[in-house]
Amino acid sequence: MAGHSKFKNIMHRKGAQDKKRSAQFSKLSREITVAAKMGMPDPDMNPRLRAAVNAAKAQSMPKDNIQRAIDKASKGEGDNYEEVRYEGYGPGGVALIVEALTDNRNRTATNVRTAFAKNGGNLGASGAVSHGFERLGLIEYPAKAGDEEKVLEAAIEAGADDVESGEDGHEIWTSIDSLHPVARELEKTLGEAEAVKLAWRPSLRTEVAEDDAGTLFRLIDVLDDDDDVQAVWGNYEVSDAVMEKLG
């Protein structure tokens, strides 16, 4: 177990993402409905639904919206979505994994392929890059939850595997099976998490030069803007100096 700082390369896009709240609510609603359909419509009995509801709360999604999304599943309403994963390479040889929930595979595949092609990337076959990542549980807390030592101690006590702390917050990593038990234990000492989810953690990171970084973030932005895309994971690392130049 080791706590260490890691600059969140994605933070420069936070302002733009805040403006897309309605689109974000739509994606969160979709995940809630899918999670509720796949298991019990009770978050306490359905770990995936609990994670989806927690993610929605972290984004200040109204309770009525959350309940409406759950009710859709209970009543058998809404479209039937399937989970799809795409893998490819972005500028500078960065490996990217794109997770989507779609009711039209052809539409989503075309949009993702086009995003890669127009922004310096190449979409690969299934399994092209995922071998370089681990599928793990991720629990996120804001910096105000506590200092690095407090969070590290809480994570060890809760049975987590690793912690990464930085000025923007804390990332607590677990095995897939331990995700929800650890999250419940952490809630007792740190309060409710910002996010509890399954994630792709890269085994090795790729340093991205200034010339490629701007194009890479454009690609990620285009993917994030797609209604079907739920998450984009990558193995990129961008230095603070380059991030400052990009603004």
C-alpha atoms as a PDB file:
ATOM      1  CA  MET A   1       0.000   0.000   0.000  1.00  0.00           C
ATOM      2  CA  ALA A   2       1.481   3.336  -0.956  1.00  0.00           C
ATOM      3  CA  GLY A   3       0.100   6.843  -1.081  1.00  0.00           C
ATOM      4  CA  HIS A   4       1.575   9.118  -3.698  1.00  0.00           C
ATOM      5  CA  SER A   5       0.662  12.263  -5.584  1.00  0.00           C
ATOM      6  CA  LYS A   6      -0.561  12.095  -9.140  1.00  0.00           C
ATOM      7  CA  PHE A   7      -1.492  15.159 -11.178  1.00  0.00           C
ATOM      8  CA  LYS A   8      -4.973  14.732 -12.649  1.00  0.00           C
ATOM      9  CA  ASN A   9      -4.411  15.454 -16.302  1.00  0.00           C
ATOM     10  CA  ILE A  10      -8.094  15.625 -16.981  1.00  0.00           C
ATOM     11  CA  MET A  11      -8.835  18.522 -14.631  1.00  0.00           C
ATOM     12  CA  HIS A  12      -8.291  21.234 -17.250  1.00  0.00           C
ATOM     13  CA  ARG A  13     -11.463  19.998 -18.944  1.00  0.00           C
ATOM     14  CA  LYS A  14     -13.569  20.246 -15.793  1.00  0.00           C
ATOM     15  CA  GLY A  15     -14.935  23.687 -16.584  1.00  0.00           C
ATOM     16  CA  ALA A  16     -16.134  22.547 -19.988  1.00  0.00           C
ATOM     17  CA  GLN A  17     -17.648  19.433 -18.458  1.00  0.00           C
ATOM     18  CA  ASP A  18     -19.576  21.464 -15.901  1.00  0.00           C
ATOM     19  CA  LYS A  19     -21.382  23.146 -18.771  1.00  0.00           C
ATOM     20  CA  LYS A  20     -22.565  19.776 -20.046  1.00  0.00           C
ATOM     21  CA  ARG A  21     -24.518  18.888 -16.936  1.00  0.00           C
ATOM     22  CA  SER A  22     -27.737  17.954 -18.734  1.00  0.00           C
ATOM     23  CA  ALA A  23     -25.832  15.574 -21.014  1.00  0.00           C
ATOM     24  CA  GLN A  24     -24.112  14.116 -17.952  1.00  0.00           C
ATOM     25  CA  PHE A  25     -27.461  13.609 -16.231  1.00  0.00           C
ATOM     26  CA  SER A  26     -28.674  11.717 -19.288  1.00  0.00           C
ATOM     27  CA  LYS A  27     -25.682   9.344 -19.118  1.00  0.00           C
ATOM     28  CA  LEU A  28     -26.092   8.857 -15.388  1.00  0.00           C
ATOM     29  CA  SER A  29     -29.803   8.107 -15.825  1.00  0.00           C
ATOM     30  CA  ARG A  30     -28.975   5.529 -18.475  1.00  0.00           C
ATOM     31  CA  GLU A  31     -26.500   3.768 -16.179  1.00  0.00           C
ATOM     32  CA  ILE A  32     -28.997   3.798 -13.279  1.00  0.00           C
ATOM     33  CA  THR A  33     -31.731   2.280 -15.437  1.00  0.00           C
ATOM     34  CA  VAL A  34     -29.421  -0.400 -16.853  1.00  0.00           C
ATOM     35  CA  ALA A  35     -28.088  -1.263 -13.378  1.00  0.00           C
ATOM     36  CA  ALA A  36     -31.622  -1.486 -11.962  1.00  0.00           C
ATOM     37  CA  LYS A  37     -32.738  -3.725 -14.842  1.00  0.00           C
ATOM     38  CA  MET A  38     -29.790  -6.087 -14.360  1.00  0.00           C
ATOM     39  CA  GLY A  39     -30.412  -6.581 -10.638  1.00  0.00           C
ATOM     40  CA  MET A  40     -32.704  -5.500  -7.827  1.00  0.00           C
ATOM     41  CA  PRO A  41     -34.139  -1.950  -8.051  1.00  0.00           C
ATOM     42  CA  ASP A  42     -32.904  -1.375  -4.479  1.00  0.00           C
ATOM     43  CA  PRO A  43     -29.420   0.254  -4.243  1.00  0.00           C
ATOM     44  CA  ASP A  44     -28.736  -1.550  -0.942  1.00  0.00           C
ATOM     45  CA  MET A  45     -29.245  -4.919  -2.653  1.00  0.00           C
ATOM     46  CA  ASN A  46     -27.598  -4.030  -5.982  1.00  0.00           C
ATOM     47  CA  PRO A  47     -23.932  -2.899  -5.833  1.00  0.00           C
ATOM     48  CA  ARG A  48     -23.871  -1.615  -9.412  1.00  0.00           C
ATOM     49  CA  LEU A  49     -27.028   0.432  -8.842  1.00  0.00           C
ATOM     50  CA  ARG A  50     -25.616   1.778  -5.580  1.00  0.00           C
ATOM     51  CA  ALA A  51     -22.473   2.927  -7.439  1.00  0.00           C
ATOM     52  CA  ALA A  52     -24.593   4.555 -10.162  1.00  0.00           C
ATOM     53  CA  VAL A  53     -26.759   6.383  -7.614  1.00  0.00           C
ATOM     54  CA  ASN A  54     -23.672   7.563  -5.712  1.00  0.00           C
ATOM     55  CA  ALA A  55     -22.162   8.863  -8.952  1.00  0.00           C
ATOM     56  CA  ALA A  56     -25.400  10.725  -9.713  1.00  0.00           C
ATOM     57  CA  LYS A  57     -25.490  12.262  -6.230  1.00  0.00           C
ATOM     58  CA  ALA A  58     -21.861  13.355  -6.597  1.00  0.00           C
ATOM     59  CA  GLN A  59     -22.899  15.292  -9.722  1.00  0.00           C
ATOM     60  CA  SER A  60     -25.793  16.916  -7.805  1.00  0.00           C
ATOM     61  CA  MET A  61     -28.403  15.082  -9.838  1.00  0.00           C
ATOM     62  CA  PRO A  62     -31.878  15.721  -8.311  1.00  0.00           C
ATOM     63  CA  LYS A  63     -33.402  12.879  -6.286  1.00  0.00           C
ATOM     64  CA  ASP A  64     -36.491  12.927  -8.509  1.00  0.00           C
ATOM     65  CA  ASN A  65     -34.342  12.239 -11.583  1.00  0.00           C
ATOM     66  CA  ILE A  66     -32.613   9.336  -9.833  1.00  0.00           C
ATOM     67  CA  GLN A  67     -35.906   7.789  -8.718  1.00  0.00           C
ATOM     68  CA  ARG A  68     -37.419   8.254 -12.195  1.00  0.00           C
ATOM     69  CA  ALA A  69     -34.500   6.349 -13.740  1.00  0.00           C
ATOM     70  CA  ILE A  70     -34.970   3.483 -11.255  1.00  0.00           C
ATOM     71  CA  ASP A  71     -38.732   3.444 -11.833  1.00  0.00           C
ATOM     72  CA  LYS A  72     -38.166   3.115 -15.590  1.00  0.00           C
ATOM     73  CA  ALA A  73     -36.404  -0.182 -14.983  1.00  0.00           C
ATOM     74  CA  SER A  74     -39.048  -1.411 -12.529  1.00  0.00           C
ATOM     75  CA  LYS A  75     -41.794  -0.731 -15.068  1.00  0.00           C
ATOM     76  CA  GLY A  76     -39.827  -2.234 -17.962  1.00  0.00           C
ATOM     77  CA  GLU A  77     -39.741   1.135 -19.689  1.00  0.00           C
ATOM     78  CA  GLY A  78     -36.923   2.756 -21.636  1.00  0.00           C
ATOM     79  CA  ASP A  79     -34.690   1.444 -24.375  1.00  0.00           C
ATOM     80  CA  ASN A  80     -32.722  -1.764 -24.055  1.00  0.00           C
ATOM     81  CA  TYR A  81     -29.069  -0.806 -23.817  1.00  0.00           C
ATOM     82  CA  GLU A  82     -26.077  -3.100 -24.162  1.00  0.00           C
ATOM     83  CA  GLU A  83     -22.572  -2.567 -22.877  1.00  0.00           C
ATOM     84  CA  VAL A  84     -19.894  -2.179 -25.540  1.00  0.00           C
ATOM     85  CA  ARG A  85     -16.158  -1.598 -25.158  1.00  0.00           C
ATOM     86  CA  TYR A  86     -13.866  -0.084 -27.784  1.00  0.00           C
ATOM     87  CA  GLU A  87     -10.073  -0.037 -27.691  1.00  0.00           C
ATOM     88  CA  GLY A  88      -7.575   1.973 -29.659  1.00  0.00           C
ATOM     89  CA  TYR A  89      -4.599   4.303 -29.750  1.00  0.00           C
ATOM     90  CA  GLY A  90      -4.601   8.072 -29.485  1.00  0.00           C
ATOM     91  CA  PRO A  91      -1.904  10.635 -30.384  1.00  0.00           C
ATOM     92  CA  GLY A  92       1.559   9.733 -29.118  1.00  0.00           C
ATOM     93  CA  GLY A  93       0.695   6.035 -28.948  1.00  0.00           C
ATOM     94  CA  VAL A  94      -1.553   6.475 -25.912  1.00  0.00           C
ATOM     95  CA  ALA A  95      -3.786   3.460 -25.215  1.00  0.00           C
ATOM     96  CA  LEU A  96      -7.481   4.271 -24.750  1.00  0.00           C
ATOM     97  CA  ILE A  97     -10.468   2.213 -23.604  1.00  0.00           C
ATOM     98  CA  VAL A  98     -13.943   3.563 -24.353  1.00  0.00           C
ATOM     99  CA  GLU A  99     -16.957   2.170 -22.483  1.00  0.00           C
ATOM    100  CA  ALA A 100     -20.421   2.738 -23.918  1.00  0.00           C
ATOM    101  CA  LEU A 101     -24.065   1.901 -23.298  1.00  0.00           C
ATOM    102  CA  THR A 102     -25.933   1.808 -26.597  1.00  0.00           C
ATOM    103  CA  ASP A 103     -29.216   0.848 -28.204  1.00  0.00           C
ATOM    104  CA  ASN A 104     -27.593   0.955 -31.660  1.00  0.00           C
ATOM    105  CA  ARG A 105     -24.172  -0.688 -32.025  1.00  0.00           C
ATOM    106  CA  ASN A 106     -23.669   0.533 -35.599  1.00  0.00           C
ATOM    107  CA  ARG A 107     -24.250   4.181 -34.672  1.00  0.00           C
ATOM    108  CA  THR A 108     -21.928   4.038 -31.672  1.00  0.00           C
ATOM    109  CA  ALA A 109     -19.160   2.174 -33.509  1.00  0.00           C
ATOM    110  CA  THR A 110     -19.274   4.692 -36.385  1.00  0.00           C
ATOM    111  CA  ASN A 111     -19.130   7.666 -34.007  1.00  0.00           C
ATOM    112  CA  VAL A 112     -16.234   6.246 -31.986  1.00  0.00           C
ATOM    113  CA  ARG A 113     -14.280   5.248 -35.109  1.00  0.00           C
ATOM    114  CA  THR A 114     -14.777   8.713 -36.601  1.00  0.00           C
ATOM    115  CA  ALA A 115     -13.659  10.410 -33.381  1.00  0.00           C
ATOM    116  CA  PHE A 116     -10.418   8.412 -33.378  1.00  0.00           C
ATOM    117  CA  ALA A 117      -9.770   8.953 -37.102  1.00  0.00           C
ATOM    118  CA  LYS A 118     -10.313  12.731 -36.989  1.00  0.00           C
ATOM    119  CA  ASN A 119      -8.219  13.315 -33.870  1.00  0.00           C
ATOM    120  CA  GLY A 120      -4.952  11.513 -34.505  1.00  0.00           C
ATOM    121  CA  GLY A 121      -5.990   8.079 -33.290  1.00  0.00           C
ATOM    122  CA  ASN A 122      -6.695   4.585 -34.536  1.00  0.00           C
ATOM    123  CA  LEU A 123      -9.480   2.315 -33.349  1.00  0.00           C
ATOM    124  CA  GLY A 124      -8.211  -1.221 -32.762  1.00  0.00           C
ATOM    125  CA  ALA A 125      -9.776  -4.634 -32.352  1.00  0.00           C
ATOM    126  CA  SER A 126     -11.201  -5.891 -29.078  1.00  0.00           C
ATOM    127  CA  GLY A 127      -8.310  -6.664 -26.727  1.00  0.00           C
ATOM    128  CA  ALA A 128      -5.887  -4.380 -28.590  1.00  0.00           C
ATOM    129  CA  VAL A 129      -4.905  -2.397 -25.475  1.00  0.00           C
ATOM    130  CA  SER A 130      -6.812  -3.813 -22.480  1.00  0.00           C
ATOM    131  CA  HIS A 131      -3.974  -6.263 -21.757  1.00  0.00           C
ATOM    132  CA  GLY A 132      -2.027  -3.201 -20.559  1.00  0.00           C
ATOM    133  CA  PHE A 133      -4.679  -2.330 -17.948  1.00  0.00           C
ATOM    134  CA  GLU A 134      -6.077  -3.926 -14.799  1.00  0.00           C
ATOM    135  CA  ARG A 135      -9.819  -4.055 -14.163  1.00  0.00           C
ATOM    136  CA  LEU A 136     -10.191  -2.774 -10.597  1.00  0.00           C
ATOM    137  CA  GLY A 137     -12.530  -1.002  -8.225  1.00  0.00           C
ATOM    138  CA  LEU A 138     -12.042   2.749  -7.795  1.00  0.00           C
ATOM    139  CA  ILE A 139     -13.352   4.945  -4.971  1.00  0.00           C
ATOM    140  CA  GLU A 140     -12.840   8.690  -5.325  1.00  0.00           C
ATOM    141  CA  TYR A 141     -12.845  11.306  -2.559  1.00  0.00           C
ATOM    142  CA  PRO A 142     -12.311  15.076  -2.776  1.00  0.00           C
ATOM    143  CA  ALA A 143      -9.239  16.608  -1.127  1.00  0.00           C
ATOM    144  CA  LYS A 144     -11.434  17.998   1.688  1.00  0.00           C
ATOM    145  CA  ALA A 145     -12.168  14.426   2.867  1.00  0.00           C
ATOM    146  CA  GLY A 146      -8.841  14.494   4.687  1.00  0.00           C
ATOM    147  CA  ASP A 147      -5.089  14.719   4.273  1.00  0.00           C
ATOM    148  CA  GLU A 148      -3.044  11.982   2.651  1.00  0.00           C
ATOM    149  CA  GLU A 149      -2.194  10.289   5.946  1.00  0.00           C
ATOM    150  CA  LYS A 150      -5.810  10.185   7.163  1.00  0.00           C
ATOM    151  CA  VAL A 151      -7.109   8.763   3.876  1.00  0.00           C
ATOM    152  CA  LEU A 152      -4.275   6.230   3.648  1.00  0.00           C
ATOM    153  CA  GLU A 153      -4.944   4.998   7.177  1.00  0.00           C
ATOM    154  CA  ALA A 154      -8.697   4.728   6.485  1.00  0.00           C
ATOM    155  CA  ALA A 155      -8.020   2.834   3.248  1.00  0.00           C
ATOM    156  CA  ILE A 156      -5.713   0.332   4.957  1.00  0.00           C
ATOM    157  CA  GLU A 157      -8.284  -0.260   7.699  1.00  0.00           C
ATOM    158  CA  ALA A 158     -11.034  -0.741   5.095  1.00  0.00           C
ATOM    159  CA  GLY A 159      -9.007  -3.315   3.137  1.00  0.00           C
ATOM    160  CA  ALA A 160      -8.091  -1.278   0.047  1.00  0.00           C
ATOM    161  CA  ASP A 161      -5.109  -2.219  -2.126  1.00  0.00           C
ATOM    162  CA  ASP A 162      -3.637   1.186  -3.016  1.00  0.00           C
ATOM    163  CA  VAL A 163      -4.167   4.924  -2.663  1.00  0.00           C
ATOM    164  CA  GLU A 164      -3.139   7.810  -4.903  1.00  0.00           C
ATOM    165  CA  SER A 165      -3.463  11.240  -3.294  1.00  0.00           C
ATOM    166  CA  GLY A 166      -2.938  14.644  -4.893  1.00  0.00           C
ATOM    167  CA  GLU A 167      -4.089  18.221  -4.541  1.00  0.00           C
ATOM    168  CA  ASP A 168      -7.291  17.421  -6.451  1.00  0.00           C
ATOM    169  CA  GLY A 169      -8.345  14.486  -4.301  1.00  0.00           C
ATOM    170  CA  HIS A 170      -7.834  10.825  -3.476  1.00  0.00           C
ATOM    171  CA  GLU A 171      -8.183   7.680  -5.576  1.00  0.00           C
ATOM    172  CA  ILE A 172      -8.565   4.471  -3.583  1.00  0.00           C
ATOM    173  CA  TRP A 173      -8.088   1.226  -5.515  1.00  0.00           C
ATOM    174  CA  THR A 174      -9.495  -2.204  -4.649  1.00  0.00           C
ATOM    175  CA  SER A 175     -10.084  -5.581  -6.243  1.00  0.00           C
ATOM    176  CA  ILE A 176     -13.409  -5.852  -8.085  1.00  0.00           C
ATOM    177  CA  ASP A 177     -14.904  -8.094  -5.386  1.00  0.00           C
ATOM    178  CA  SER A 178     -13.805  -5.777  -2.569  1.00  0.00           C
ATOM    179  CA  LEU A 179     -15.105  -2.537  -4.109  1.00  0.00           C
ATOM    180  CA  HIS A 180     -18.422  -2.236  -2.291  1.00  0.00           C
ATOM    181  CA  PRO A 181     -17.343  -3.696   1.092  1.00  0.00           C
ATOM    182  CA  VAL A 182     -14.379  -1.267   1.134  1.00  0.00           C
ATOM    183  CA  ALA A 183     -16.600   1.641   0.062  1.00  0.00           C
ATOM    184  CA  ARG A 184     -19.024   0.893   2.909  1.00  0.00           C
ATOM    185  CA  GLU A 185     -16.185   0.842   5.463  1.00  0.00           C
ATOM    186  CA  LEU A 186     -14.685   4.085   4.135  1.00  0.00           C
ATOM    187  CA  GLU A 187     -18.062   5.791   4.406  1.00  0.00           C
ATOM    188  CA  LYS A 188     -17.887   5.342   8.196  1.00  0.00           C
ATOM    189  CA  THR A 189     -14.687   7.380   8.490  1.00  0.00           C
ATOM    190  CA  LEU A 190     -14.567   9.607   5.383  1.00  0.00           C
ATOM    191  CA  GLY A 191     -18.243  10.076   4.556  1.00  0.00           C
ATOM    192  CA  GLU A 192     -19.882   9.402   1.205  1.00  0.00           C
ATOM    193  CA  ALA A 193     -17.502   9.044  -1.742  1.00  0.00           C
ATOM    194  CA  GLU A 194     -17.626  11.172  -4.883  1.00  0.00           C
ATOM    195  CA  ALA A 195     -17.615   8.027  -6.992  1.00  0.00           C
ATOM    196  CA  VAL A 196     -17.585   4.249  -6.544  1.00  0.00           C
ATOM    197  CA  LYS A 197     -17.047   2.396  -9.805  1.00  0.00           C
ATOM    198  CA  LEU A 198     -15.178  -0.189 -11.824  1.00  0.00           C
ATOM    199  CA  ALA A 199     -12.199   1.277 -13.616  1.00  0.00           C
ATOM    200  CA  TRP A 200      -9.332   0.436 -15.962  1.00  0.00           C
ATOM    201  CA  ARG A 201      -5.958   1.184 -14.357  1.00  0.00           C
ATOM    202  CA  PRO A 202      -2.928   1.225 -16.661  1.00  0.00           C
ATOM    203  CA  SER A 203       0.032  -0.968 -15.733  1.00  0.00           C
ATOM    204  CA  LEU A 204       2.425   1.547 -17.319  1.00  0.00           C
ATOM    205  CA  ARG A 205       1.859   5.175 -18.253  1.00  0.00           C
ATOM    206  CA  THR A 206       2.888   6.907 -21.475  1.00  0.00           C
ATOM    207  CA  GLU A 207       4.396  10.389 -21.255  1.00  0.00           C
ATOM    208  CA  VAL A 208       2.692  12.649 -23.791  1.00  0.00           C
ATOM    209  CA  ALA A 209       4.580  15.514 -25.454  1.00  0.00           C
ATOM    210  CA  GLU A 210       3.071  18.982 -25.836  1.00  0.00           C
ATOM    211  CA  ASP A 211       2.398  18.522 -29.573  1.00  0.00           C
ATOM    212  CA  ASP A 212       0.316  15.405 -28.941  1.00  0.00           C
ATOM    213  CA  ALA A 213      -1.362  16.436 -25.670  1.00  0.00           C
ATOM    214  CA  GLY A 214      -3.714  19.002 -27.193  1.00  0.00           C
ATOM    215  CA  THR A 215      -4.896  16.567 -29.867  1.00  0.00           C
ATOM    216  CA  LEU A 216      -5.293  13.801 -27.286  1.00  0.00           C
ATOM    217  CA  PHE A 217      -7.535  15.937 -25.085  1.00  0.00           C
ATOM    218  CA  ARG A 218      -9.583  16.948 -28.138  1.00  0.00           C
ATOM    219  CA  LEU A 219     -10.118  13.255 -28.911  1.00  0.00           C
ATOM    220  CA  ILE A 220     -11.179  12.557 -25.322  1.00  0.00           C
ATOM    221  CA  ASP A 221     -13.530  15.559 -25.381  1.00  0.00           C
ATOM    222  CA  VAL A 222     -15.188  14.365 -28.607  1.00  0.00           C
ATOM    223  CA  LEU A 223     -15.659  10.893 -27.137  1.00  0.00           C
ATOM    224  CA  ASP A 224     -17.030  12.334 -23.872  1.00  0.00           C
ATOM    225  CA  ASP A 225     -19.521  14.413 -25.865  1.00  0.00           C
ATOM    226  CA  ASP A 226     -21.057  11.305 -27.441  1.00  0.00           C
ATOM    227  CA  ASP A 227     -24.307  10.401 -25.697  1.00  0.00           C
ATOM    228  CA  ASP A 228     -23.504   6.676 -25.813  1.00  0.00           C
ATOM    229  CA  VAL A 229     -20.034   6.939 -24.250  1.00  0.00           C
ATOM    230  CA  GLN A 230     -20.032   6.431 -20.484  1.00  0.00           C
ATOM    231  CA  ALA A 231     -16.289   6.585 -19.725  1.00  0.00           C
ATOM    232  CA  VAL A 232     -12.886   6.967 -21.399  1.00  0.00           C
ATOM    233  CA  TRP A 233      -9.801   5.463 -19.757  1.00  0.00           C
ATOM    234  CA  GLY A 234      -6.208   6.003 -20.851  1.00  0.00           C
ATOM    235  CA  ASN A 235      -2.592   5.346 -19.900  1.00  0.00           C
ATOM    236  CA  TYR A 236      -1.422   8.900 -20.602  1.00  0.00           C
ATOM    237  CA  GLU A 237       0.693  11.091 -18.327  1.00  0.00           C
ATOM    238  CA  VAL A 238       1.108  14.792 -19.088  1.00  0.00           C
ATOM    239  CA  SER A 239       3.597  16.939 -17.177  1.00  0.00           C
ATOM    240  CA  ASP A 240       2.476  19.951 -15.167  1.00  0.00           C
ATOM    241  CA  ALA A 241       4.522  22.202 -17.478  1.00  0.00           C
ATOM    242  CA  VAL A 242       2.706  20.970 -20.584  1.00  0.00           C
ATOM    243  CA  MET A 243      -0.670  21.241 -18.833  1.00  0.00           C
ATOM    244  CA  GLU A 244       0.049  24.872 -17.959  1.00  0.00           C
ATOM    245  CA  LYS A 245       0.874  25.663 -21.590  1.00  0.00           C
ATOM    246  CA  LEU A 246      -2.345  24.038 -22.736  1.00  0.00           C
ATOM    247  CA  GLY A 247      -4.291  26.147 -20.251  1.00  0.00           C
END
